[in-house]
Amino acid sequence: MSTNLDSKKQCFQLLQALQEQLKELSPPQQALLNINLEGLSANLQELVSSFQSPSERSLVEASLQETNVKLERKIEQQAVKIKQLEEELHKEQNHHRRTTQALSKNGAKLQGILRYSSDLITILEADGRVRYHSPALEMILGYKPEDRVGKVHGELIHADDISAWQSYFALLMEKQGVAPPIEYRERHNDGSWVYMEAIANNLLLDSSIKGIVINSRNITERKQADLELQQANQLLQALIQASPLAIVGIDTQRKGLLWNPAAEQLFGWSSEEVLGQILPIIPEKEMESFSAALQSEFKGKVETKLLKARCLKKDGSAANLFFWSAPLRDGDGQISGVMRIYSDISDTKLIEGEMGNLKAVKNSDEPFWVRYVRPPKRFTKESER
């Protein structure tokens, strides 16, 4: 009975406290909350009256106890989940730390590679401006990388090459991926021109790059060597064409590779009739020994002395000629043919002079076409006098 009285007393005390706080509110709020308090008072009256029955109170207490047990179980389950999440978080943190350390180490290696690489790595924006230059820029073109950032890549390209670069860049913008290599000249910081070979890769859609990556290298020495080779080849061709001796080139199939004007004059066939065809100058009965000699020469066993051979002419006559052989080599240094120099004069001074001029060619490991040959000294009967 005392318990019910205490409950009623507590309920009424709660209502009185709410009513006191209600006085501090504005009139509209008081009116609204008065309605709620009246309902709450009625509910409290019903709740207090419900505790008047011992049996009902026991049921309420049992229900509260069951609820507490369920709540404890849920708390325990949540604690287990929280512990699992903490363990997973710890694992993720360790993995992230190891990944960060690996990336940092790889980044340091990449920076080291870029620092000492002779190739220049450049990243361009979509408008052609430089976002990044590797340290090789200073070694190749004499500029500090940071001084070129934000500058237009094409402004250093030679005027004769800029249109080719613009077409190349337009092709890059049209298609993703790697483009074919391109060669152009760029101005060095000292004002000279440097030949560059570049390969570009459009990675504008790559979220980690979002730019055009260019790998370029200095090929100035190679271009100079090619130019010297071209000049030497032109000189040699001029010497061959002007030589008073018949110069004939023969490939592995006994077909003509070279046939100068002196050969046309000596044998009677024009170069159009001989080049690419089996040489008609060797008599049929001597073809076997001729083929054997060629095979020996193709293996590098070239005679260094003057030899004699019986050769046919277009008019059907035959002549005993002197000749001297030299290997013809391709760009890889492999023998691709044989050059023979023929003369039909009995006085060997002329051909011996020619052999002296072509001495640099003999037994050379370099391609024949890059050797320098001095112009032949013409020998005539008048010069003897």
Protein backbone atom coordinates (compact mmCIF):
# COMPACT_ATOMS: atom_id res chain seq x y z
CA MET A 1 0.00 0.00 0.00
CA SER A 2 2.86 2.37 0.83
CA THR A 3 4.39 1.60 -2.52
CA ASN A 4 1.27 2.75 -4.36
CA LEU A 5 1.22 5.95 -2.34
CA ASP A 6 4.85 6.63 -3.11
CA SER A 7 4.18 6.09 -6.79
CA LYS A 8 1.24 8.46 -6.78
CA LYS A 9 3.27 11.02 -4.90
CA GLN A 10 6.15 10.80 -7.41
CA CYS A 11 3.77 11.17 -10.35
CA PHE A 12 2.10 14.23 -8.89
CA GLN A 13 5.48 15.74 -8.03
CA LEU A 14 6.54 15.24 -11.66
CA LEU A 15 3.39 16.94 -12.90
CA GLN A 16 3.89 19.85 -10.55
CA ALA A 17 7.49 20.30 -11.74
CA LEU A 18 6.36 20.35 -15.38
CA GLN A 19 3.66 22.89 -14.57
CA GLU A 20 6.21 25.16 -12.88
CA GLN A 21 8.46 24.99 -15.96
CA LEU A 22 5.43 25.70 -18.13
CA LYS A 23 5.15 29.16 -16.64
CA GLU A 24 8.45 30.18 -18.21
CA LEU A 25 7.15 29.55 -21.76
CA SER A 26 5.20 31.88 -24.02
CA PRO A 27 1.38 31.82 -23.88
CA PRO A 28 0.94 29.88 -27.16
CA GLN A 29 3.44 27.27 -26.04
CA GLN A 30 1.74 27.09 -22.60
CA ALA A 31 -1.63 26.47 -24.20
CA LEU A 32 -0.22 23.71 -26.39
CA LEU A 33 1.66 22.00 -23.57
CA ASN A 34 -1.29 22.28 -21.16
CA ILE A 35 -3.25 20.00 -23.44
CA ASN A 36 -0.34 17.53 -23.47
CA LEU A 37 0.04 17.71 -19.69
CA GLU A 38 -3.61 16.96 -19.17
CA GLY A 39 -3.26 13.86 -21.29
CA LEU A 40 -0.03 12.93 -19.52
CA SER A 41 -1.72 13.36 -16.13
CA ALA A 42 -4.48 11.01 -17.16
CA ASN A 43 -1.98 8.46 -18.38
CA LEU A 44 -0.03 8.69 -15.14
CA GLN A 45 -3.22 8.17 -13.18
CA GLU A 46 -3.89 5.01 -15.12
CA LEU A 47 -0.29 3.86 -14.70
CA VAL A 48 -0.38 4.42 -10.94
CA SER A 49 -3.66 2.60 -10.64
CA SER A 50 -2.14 -0.35 -12.51
CA PHE A 51 0.42 -0.78 -9.74
CA GLN A 52 -2.34 -1.28 -7.22
CA SER A 53 -2.56 -4.96 -8.22
CA PRO A 54 0.37 -7.10 -6.94
CA SER A 55 -0.14 -9.65 -9.71
CA GLU A 56 0.04 -7.03 -12.46
CA ARG A 57 3.10 -5.48 -10.87
CA SER A 58 4.79 -8.89 -10.89
CA LEU A 59 4.03 -9.28 -14.58
CA VAL A 60 5.52 -5.88 -15.33
CA GLU A 61 8.64 -6.68 -13.36
CA ALA A 62 9.02 -10.04 -15.17
CA SER A 63 8.63 -8.29 -18.51
CA LEU A 64 11.26 -5.72 -17.57
CA GLN A 65 13.63 -8.47 -16.49
CA GLU A 66 13.17 -10.34 -19.79
CA THR A 67 13.76 -7.10 -21.67
CA ASN A 68 16.96 -6.51 -19.71
CA VAL A 69 18.21 -10.00 -20.57
CA LYS A 70 17.54 -9.46 -24.27
CA LEU A 71 19.22 -6.07 -24.10
CA GLU A 72 22.32 -7.57 -22.45
CA ARG A 73 22.52 -10.23 -25.19
CA LYS A 74 22.34 -7.59 -27.89
CA ILE A 75 25.00 -5.57 -26.13
CA GLU A 76 27.23 -8.63 -25.97
CA GLN A 77 26.65 -9.34 -29.68
CA GLN A 78 27.44 -5.76 -30.56
CA ALA A 79 30.59 -5.90 -28.44
CA VAL A 80 31.74 -8.98 -30.39
CA LYS A 81 31.07 -7.19 -33.71
CA ILE A 82 32.89 -4.11 -32.49
CA LYS A 83 35.89 -6.22 -31.54
CA GLN A 84 35.90 -7.87 -34.98
CA LEU A 85 35.70 -4.48 -36.65
CA GLU A 86 38.59 -3.23 -34.52
CA GLU A 87 40.70 -6.24 -35.58
CA GLU A 88 39.85 -5.67 -39.27
CA LEU A 89 40.64 -1.99 -38.90
CA HIS A 90 43.99 -2.86 -37.35
CA LYS A 91 44.76 -5.19 -40.27
CA GLU A 92 43.77 -2.53 -42.80
CA GLN A 93 45.97 0.00 -41.04
CA ASN A 94 48.95 -2.38 -41.15
CA HIS A 95 48.29 -3.12 -44.85
CA HIS A 96 48.00 0.59 -45.61
CA ARG A 97 51.26 1.27 -43.79
CA ARG A 98 53.10 -1.47 -45.71
CA THR A 99 51.60 -0.26 -49.01
CA THR A 100 52.62 3.31 -48.25
CA GLN A 101 56.15 2.20 -47.41
CA ALA A 102 56.36 0.17 -50.64
CA LEU A 103 55.05 3.09 -52.70
CA SER A 104 57.52 5.40 -51.03
CA LYS A 105 60.38 3.02 -51.78
CA ASN A 106 59.24 2.54 -55.40
CA GLY A 107 58.84 6.29 -55.76
CA ALA A 108 62.41 6.79 -54.58
CA LYS A 109 63.61 4.17 -57.09
CA LEU A 110 61.64 5.83 -59.89
CA GLN A 111 63.11 9.21 -59.03
CA GLY A 112 66.58 7.65 -59.08
CA ILE A 113 65.93 6.10 -62.49
CA LEU A 114 64.64 9.38 -63.89
CA ARG A 115 67.52 11.32 -62.38
CA TYR A 116 70.20 9.20 -64.06
CA SER A 117 68.35 8.16 -67.24
CA SER A 118 69.69 9.48 -70.54
CA ASP A 119 66.15 9.46 -71.95
CA LEU A 120 63.95 12.50 -71.44
CA ILE A 121 60.48 11.94 -69.98
CA THR A 122 57.96 14.72 -70.62
CA ILE A 123 54.30 15.03 -69.61
CA LEU A 124 52.14 17.46 -71.59
CA GLU A 125 48.72 18.87 -70.85
CA ALA A 126 45.96 18.63 -73.45
CA ASP A 127 46.89 22.11 -74.73
CA GLY A 128 50.52 21.10 -75.37
CA ARG A 129 52.02 22.83 -72.33
CA VAL A 130 54.67 21.11 -70.25
CA ARG A 131 53.60 19.74 -66.88
CA TYR A 132 56.77 17.76 -66.16
CA HIS A 133 60.31 17.28 -67.49
CA SER A 134 62.70 14.68 -66.13
CA PRO A 135 66.21 15.80 -65.08
CA ALA A 136 67.65 14.60 -68.43
CA LEU A 137 66.36 17.85 -69.96
CA GLU A 138 69.34 19.78 -68.61
CA MET A 139 71.81 17.19 -69.90
CA ILE A 140 70.25 17.06 -73.40
CA LEU A 141 69.03 20.62 -74.04
CA GLY A 142 70.68 22.66 -71.28
CA TYR A 143 67.46 23.88 -69.60
CA LYS A 144 66.47 23.34 -65.97
CA PRO A 145 63.26 21.28 -65.85
CA GLU A 146 61.45 23.71 -63.56
CA ASP A 147 62.11 26.57 -66.01
CA ARG A 148 60.22 24.80 -68.79
CA VAL A 149 57.11 23.86 -66.79
CA GLY A 150 54.06 25.67 -68.19
CA LYS A 151 55.80 26.43 -71.50
CA VAL A 152 54.54 25.20 -74.88
CA HIS A 153 56.50 22.11 -75.93
CA GLY A 154 56.58 23.08 -79.61
CA GLU A 155 58.25 26.46 -79.09
CA LEU A 156 61.72 24.84 -79.05
CA ILE A 157 61.15 22.82 -82.24
CA HIS A 158 62.89 23.88 -85.46
CA ALA A 159 60.74 25.88 -87.87
CA ASP A 160 61.20 23.23 -90.59
CA ASP A 161 59.92 20.51 -88.22
CA ILE A 162 57.09 22.32 -86.43
CA SER A 163 54.40 21.40 -88.97
CA ALA A 164 55.28 17.71 -88.63
CA TRP A 165 55.05 18.02 -84.83
CA GLN A 166 51.68 19.79 -85.03
CA SER A 167 50.29 17.01 -87.22
CA TYR A 168 51.71 14.43 -84.83
CA PHE A 169 50.16 16.16 -81.81
CA ALA A 170 46.78 16.39 -83.56
CA LEU A 171 46.97 12.64 -84.22
CA LEU A 172 47.71 12.07 -80.54
CA MET A 173 44.64 14.04 -79.49
CA GLU A 174 42.40 12.01 -81.79
CA LYS A 175 43.43 8.58 -80.56
CA GLN A 176 44.37 7.10 -77.21
CA GLY A 177 47.53 5.03 -76.81
CA VAL A 178 51.03 4.99 -78.29
CA ALA A 179 51.79 6.84 -81.53
CA PRO A 180 54.62 5.99 -83.98
CA PRO A 181 58.04 7.58 -83.37
CA ILE A 182 58.81 11.02 -84.73
CA GLU A 183 62.08 12.88 -85.31
CA TYR A 184 62.54 16.63 -84.99
CA ARG A 185 65.14 19.21 -84.01
CA GLU A 186 64.99 21.20 -80.77
CA ARG A 187 66.94 24.30 -79.87
CA HIS A 188 69.60 23.84 -77.19
CA ASN A 189 70.06 26.50 -74.55
CA ASP A 190 73.32 27.47 -76.27
CA GLY A 191 71.52 28.07 -79.58
CA SER A 192 72.57 24.87 -81.35
CA TRP A 193 70.13 22.29 -82.70
CA VAL A 194 69.69 18.80 -81.26
CA TYR A 195 68.08 15.95 -83.20
CA MET A 196 65.46 14.19 -81.06
CA GLU A 197 63.56 10.95 -81.56
CA ALA A 198 60.31 10.81 -79.59
CA ILE A 199 57.53 8.32 -78.89
CA ALA A 200 54.33 9.71 -77.33
CA ASN A 201 51.53 7.99 -75.42
CA ASN A 202 48.11 9.63 -74.98
CA LEU A 203 47.07 8.94 -71.37
CA LEU A 204 44.63 11.81 -70.94
CA LEU A 205 41.90 9.39 -69.85
CA ASP A 206 44.16 7.60 -67.38
CA SER A 207 43.12 8.91 -63.94
CA SER A 208 46.64 8.50 -62.57
CA ILE A 209 48.33 10.48 -65.41
CA LYS A 210 45.77 12.66 -67.23
CA GLY A 211 48.39 13.80 -69.72
CA ILE A 212 50.48 12.94 -72.79
CA VAL A 213 53.71 11.14 -71.91
CA ILE A 214 56.66 11.60 -74.30
CA ASN A 215 59.82 9.52 -74.18
CA SER A 216 62.56 11.18 -76.25
CA ARG A 217 66.28 10.77 -76.76
CA ASN A 218 69.18 12.61 -78.36
CA ILE A 219 70.02 11.10 -81.77
CA THR A 220 72.30 13.89 -82.99
CA GLU A 221 75.35 11.61 -83.27
CA ARG A 222 73.35 9.03 -85.19
CA LYS A 223 72.00 11.65 -87.58
CA GLN A 224 75.50 13.00 -88.13
CA ALA A 225 76.78 9.48 -88.80
CA ASP A 226 73.92 8.92 -91.25
CA LEU A 227 74.78 12.17 -92.98
CA GLU A 228 78.45 11.23 -93.20
CA LEU A 229 77.47 7.80 -94.51
CA GLN A 230 75.26 9.41 -97.13
CA GLN A 231 78.05 11.76 -98.18
CA ALA A 232 80.56 8.90 -98.32
CA ASN A 233 78.13 6.83 -100.36
CA GLN A 234 77.63 9.69 -102.80
CA LEU A 235 81.38 10.14 -103.09
CA LEU A 236 81.93 6.44 -103.63
CA GLN A 237 79.19 6.27 -106.23
CA ALA A 238 80.79 9.18 -108.05
CA LEU A 239 84.19 7.46 -107.95
CA ILE A 240 82.72 4.20 -109.20
CA GLN A 241 80.95 5.96 -112.05
CA ALA A 242 84.10 7.90 -112.98
CA SER A 243 86.52 4.98 -112.64
CA PRO A 244 88.33 3.92 -115.86
CA LEU A 245 88.20 0.32 -114.62
CA ALA A 246 85.17 -1.94 -115.00
CA ILE A 247 83.58 -2.35 -111.54
CA VAL A 248 81.06 -5.16 -111.18
CA GLY A 249 79.01 -6.17 -108.13
CA ILE A 250 77.80 -9.77 -107.82
CA ASP A 251 75.32 -11.14 -105.25
CA THR A 252 75.07 -14.67 -103.84
CA GLN A 253 72.89 -15.74 -106.79
CA ARG A 254 75.50 -14.56 -109.34
CA LYS A 255 73.23 -11.63 -110.27
CA GLY A 256 74.48 -8.15 -111.01
CA LEU A 257 74.46 -5.62 -108.16
CA LEU A 258 76.76 -3.00 -109.65
CA TRP A 259 77.70 -2.17 -113.23
CA ASN A 260 79.55 1.08 -113.91
CA PRO A 261 80.03 2.85 -117.29
CA ALA A 262 83.52 1.32 -117.70
CA ALA A 263 81.93 -2.15 -117.39
CA GLU A 264 79.41 -1.21 -120.08
CA GLN A 265 82.28 -0.12 -122.32
CA LEU A 266 84.40 -3.20 -121.59
CA PHE A 267 81.72 -5.91 -121.87
CA GLY A 268 79.16 -4.23 -124.13
CA TRP A 269 76.04 -4.77 -122.01
CA SER A 270 74.23 -1.80 -120.48
CA SER A 271 73.42 -1.66 -116.76
CA GLU A 272 69.70 -2.15 -117.54
CA GLU A 273 70.55 -5.48 -119.24
CA VAL A 274 72.68 -6.76 -116.36
CA LEU A 275 71.46 -5.47 -112.99
CA GLY A 276 69.25 -8.04 -111.29
CA GLN A 277 70.14 -10.67 -113.90
CA ILE A 278 72.65 -13.52 -113.85
CA LEU A 279 75.91 -12.10 -115.17
CA PRO A 280 76.53 -13.13 -118.80
CA ILE A 281 80.27 -12.49 -118.69
CA ILE A 282 81.31 -15.94 -117.44
CA PRO A 283 81.66 -18.70 -120.09
CA GLU A 284 79.39 -21.68 -119.50
CA LYS A 285 82.27 -24.13 -119.18
CA GLU A 286 83.88 -21.96 -116.50
CA MET A 287 80.66 -21.38 -114.51
CA GLU A 288 81.38 -24.14 -111.99
CA SER A 289 84.82 -22.81 -111.06
CA PHE A 290 83.37 -19.26 -111.01
CA SER A 291 80.62 -20.30 -108.57
CA ALA A 292 83.16 -22.05 -106.34
CA ALA A 293 85.33 -18.93 -106.29
CA LEU A 294 82.31 -16.77 -105.40
CA GLN A 295 81.32 -19.08 -102.55
CA SER A 296 84.84 -18.80 -101.17
CA GLU A 297 84.66 -15.03 -101.41
CA PHE A 298 81.25 -14.95 -99.71
CA LYS A 299 82.82 -16.77 -96.77
CA GLY A 300 85.39 -13.98 -96.44
CA LYS A 301 88.22 -15.80 -98.23
CA VAL A 302 89.09 -13.02 -100.64
CA GLU A 303 92.27 -13.14 -102.69
CA THR A 304 94.43 -10.07 -102.11
CA LYS A 305 96.43 -10.41 -105.32
CA LEU A 306 95.60 -9.75 -108.95
CA LEU A 307 93.94 -12.70 -110.64
CA LYS A 308 93.12 -13.57 -114.22
CA ALA A 309 89.76 -14.62 -115.62
CA ARG A 310 88.40 -15.38 -119.07
CA CYS A 311 85.24 -13.30 -119.64
CA LEU A 312 82.72 -13.01 -122.46
CA LYS A 313 81.68 -9.80 -124.20
CA LYS A 314 78.33 -8.97 -125.78
CA ASP A 315 79.80 -9.27 -129.27
CA GLY A 316 80.65 -12.93 -128.57
CA SER A 317 84.39 -12.45 -128.16
CA ALA A 318 86.32 -13.50 -125.07
CA ALA A 319 89.15 -11.76 -123.25
CA ASN A 320 91.62 -12.66 -120.55
CA LEU A 321 91.21 -9.97 -117.89
CA PHE A 322 92.86 -9.02 -114.65
CA PHE A 323 90.56 -8.59 -111.66
CA TRP A 324 90.70 -7.85 -107.96
CA SER A 325 87.94 -8.68 -105.43
CA ALA A 326 86.54 -6.95 -102.37
CA PRO A 327 83.59 -7.96 -100.17
CA LEU A 328 80.36 -5.98 -100.15
CA ARG A 329 78.90 -5.83 -96.63
CA ASP A 330 75.45 -4.88 -95.41
CA GLY A 331 74.63 -2.66 -92.43
CA ASP A 332 75.21 -5.55 -90.01
CA GLY A 333 78.68 -6.25 -91.39
CA GLN A 334 77.60 -9.44 -93.16
CA ILE A 335 78.92 -10.14 -96.67
CA SER A 336 76.04 -9.58 -99.09
CA GLY A 337 78.03 -9.68 -102.31
CA VAL A 338 81.39 -9.32 -104.01
CA MET A 339 82.83 -6.42 -105.97
CA ARG A 340 85.22 -7.26 -108.80
CA ILE A 341 87.37 -4.70 -110.60
CA TYR A 342 88.32 -5.77 -114.14
CA SER A 343 90.95 -4.42 -116.58
CA ASP A 344 91.95 -5.66 -120.01
CA ILE A 345 95.28 -3.85 -120.28
CA SER A 346 98.52 -5.77 -120.31
CA ASP A 347 100.35 -3.05 -118.43
CA THR A 348 99.27 -3.60 -114.80
CA LYS A 349 100.42 -0.22 -113.51
CA LEU A 350 96.95 1.29 -113.87
CA ILE A 351 95.17 -1.46 -111.97
CA GLU A 352 97.91 -1.58 -109.33
CA GLY A 353 97.38 2.15 -108.78
CA GLU A 354 93.67 1.56 -108.44
CA MET A 355 94.28 -1.23 -105.94
CA GLY A 356 96.37 1.10 -103.83
CA ASN A 357 93.58 3.65 -103.82
CA LEU A 358 91.08 0.96 -102.72
CA LYS A 359 93.36 -0.54 -100.09
CA ALA A 360 91.19 0.85 -97.28
CA VAL A 361 88.32 -1.30 -98.50
CA LYS A 362 90.19 -4.61 -98.36
CA ASN A 363 89.31 -7.01 -95.51
CA SER A 364 87.33 -4.35 -93.67
CA ASP A 365 84.82 -5.28 -91.00
CA GLU A 366 82.82 -2.15 -91.74
CA PRO A 367 80.30 -1.84 -94.59
CA PHE A 368 82.07 -1.28 -97.85
CA TRP A 369 79.97 1.75 -98.65
CA VAL A 370 81.28 3.78 -95.70
CA ARG A 371 84.93 3.50 -96.70
CA TYR A 372 86.58 6.50 -98.28
CA VAL A 373 88.19 5.85 -101.65
CA ARG A 374 90.53 8.40 -103.18
CA PRO A 375 89.91 9.37 -106.81
CA PRO A 376 91.93 7.12 -109.16
CA LYS A 377 95.10 8.46 -110.74
CA ARG A 378 94.67 8.05 -114.44
CA PHE A 379 97.60 6.41 -116.19
CA THR A 380 98.17 7.03 -119.87
CA LYS A 381 100.98 6.53 -122.29
CA GLU A 382 101.30 10.31 -122.53
CA SER A 383 101.94 10.58 -118.76
CA GLU A 384 104.83 8.12 -119.06
CA ARG A 385 106.53 10.48 -121.44
